[in-house]
């Protein structure tokens, strides 16, 4: 899922959002632009909204070249554009495949 940035000034740290039905009204305090955004995750490549949430580890260097998982973040994979990554994830996590429809 792409980061939310102001389309006018490019700032991402001066944004405030307010839920309006299915949309989120976003206001940029840096340049005063106001716009509505659909909060549903989308594929940044093809725009498909039928993306799959997948946990992805956040790694940190601990000692020398050793790395440890310090957290997990959710990434959204598109069944069309991220087919290989989605298949790898489902192969490693067979319980996640229910209803995934990766064809």
Protein backbone atom coordinates (compact mmCIF):
# COMPACT_ATOMS: atom_id res chain seq x y z
CA UNK A 1 0.00 0.00 0.00
CA UNK A 2 1.41 3.34 -0.97
CA UNK A 3 2.25 5.98 1.62
CA UNK A 4 -0.12 8.90 1.95
CA UNK A 5 1.52 12.15 0.88
CA UNK A 6 0.05 15.49 -0.05
CA UNK A 7 -0.36 15.65 -3.84
CA UNK A 8 0.38 19.39 -3.80
CA UNK A 9 3.42 19.79 -1.52
CA UNK A 10 4.60 16.19 -1.05
CA UNK A 11 4.58 16.37 2.76
CA UNK A 12 3.56 13.30 4.74
CA UNK A 13 4.00 14.50 8.31
CA UNK A 14 1.46 17.37 8.22
CA UNK A 15 -1.63 15.29 7.37
CA UNK A 16 -4.81 14.82 9.39
CA UNK A 17 -7.63 12.49 8.40
CA UNK A 18 -11.31 12.38 9.25
CA UNK A 19 -13.62 9.50 8.33
CA UNK A 20 -16.50 10.53 6.02
CA UNK A 21 -18.58 7.44 5.24
CA UNK A 22 -16.48 5.14 3.09
CA UNK A 23 -13.87 7.83 2.42
CA UNK A 24 -11.31 9.69 4.51
CA UNK A 25 -11.10 13.47 4.20
CA UNK A 26 -7.43 14.44 4.45
CA UNK A 27 -6.16 17.93 5.26
CA UNK A 28 -2.55 19.00 4.80
CA UNK A 29 -1.61 21.61 7.40
CA UNK A 30 1.50 22.54 5.40
CA UNK A 31 -0.32 23.80 2.27
CA UNK A 32 -4.04 23.65 3.29
CA UNK A 33 -5.04 21.21 0.55
CA UNK A 34 -8.10 19.08 1.40
CA UNK A 35 -8.96 15.91 -0.52
CA UNK A 36 -10.93 12.67 -0.14
CA UNK A 37 -9.14 9.34 -0.21
CA UNK A 38 -10.48 5.81 -0.39
CA UNK A 39 -8.85 3.96 2.53
CA UNK A 40 -9.17 0.53 0.90
CA UNK A 41 -5.73 -0.90 0.08
CA UNK A 42 -4.91 -0.89 -3.65
CA UNK A 43 -2.21 -2.37 -5.80
CA UNK A 44 0.09 0.52 -6.75
CA UNK A 45 0.79 -1.17 -10.12
CA UNK A 46 -2.68 -2.04 -11.46
CA UNK A 47 -5.09 -0.37 -9.00
CA UNK A 48 -6.79 -3.66 -8.05
CA UNK A 49 -8.52 -3.46 -4.65
CA UNK A 50 -8.69 -7.25 -4.15
CA UNK A 51 -5.27 -7.35 -2.46
CA UNK A 52 -4.23 -9.82 0.25
CA UNK A 53 -2.83 -8.72 3.64
CA UNK A 54 0.43 -10.54 4.39
CA UNK A 55 2.64 -10.17 7.49
CA UNK A 56 6.20 -9.17 6.63
CA UNK A 57 9.05 -9.17 9.16
CA UNK A 58 10.90 -5.97 10.08
CA UNK A 59 14.56 -6.84 10.55
CA UNK A 60 17.19 -5.14 12.70
CA UNK A 61 20.91 -5.74 12.91
CA UNK A 62 21.70 -7.09 16.36
CA UNK A 63 25.36 -8.10 16.48
CA UNK A 64 27.85 -8.04 13.65
CA UNK A 65 25.97 -9.49 10.70
CA UNK A 66 23.26 -11.18 12.79
CA UNK A 67 19.72 -9.97 12.21
CA UNK A 68 16.60 -10.40 14.29
CA UNK A 69 12.94 -9.85 13.61
CA UNK A 70 11.87 -6.89 15.76
CA UNK A 71 8.29 -6.54 14.52
CA UNK A 72 5.91 -7.43 11.74
CA UNK A 73 4.16 -5.05 9.36
CA UNK A 74 1.27 -5.76 7.04
CA UNK A 75 1.92 -5.49 3.32
CA UNK A 76 -0.76 -5.96 0.68
CA UNK A 77 0.00 -8.29 -2.21
CA UNK A 78 -1.89 -8.20 -5.48
CA UNK A 79 -2.92 -11.60 -6.92
CA UNK A 80 -2.11 -10.28 -10.40
CA UNK A 81 1.08 -8.24 -9.88
CA UNK A 82 2.59 -10.04 -6.86
CA UNK A 83 1.67 -13.58 -7.87
CA UNK A 84 5.12 -15.06 -7.13
CA UNK A 85 5.45 -13.42 -3.67
CA UNK A 86 1.88 -14.35 -2.76
CA UNK A 87 2.46 -17.96 -3.82
CA UNK A 88 5.70 -18.08 -1.77
CA UNK A 89 3.86 -16.74 1.27
CA UNK A 90 0.99 -19.19 0.90
CA UNK A 91 3.44 -22.07 0.39
CA UNK A 92 5.23 -21.17 3.61
CA UNK A 93 1.93 -20.59 5.43
CA UNK A 94 -0.60 -23.17 4.18
CA UNK A 95 -3.26 -22.07 6.70
CA UNK A 96 -3.32 -18.60 5.04
CA UNK A 97 -4.44 -20.04 1.70
CA UNK A 98 -8.11 -20.38 2.66
CA UNK A 99 -10.04 -18.02 0.43
CA UNK A 100 -6.89 -16.51 -1.06
CA UNK A 101 -7.91 -17.31 -4.65
CA UNK A 102 -4.46 -17.12 -6.19
CA UNK A 103 -5.51 -19.45 -9.01
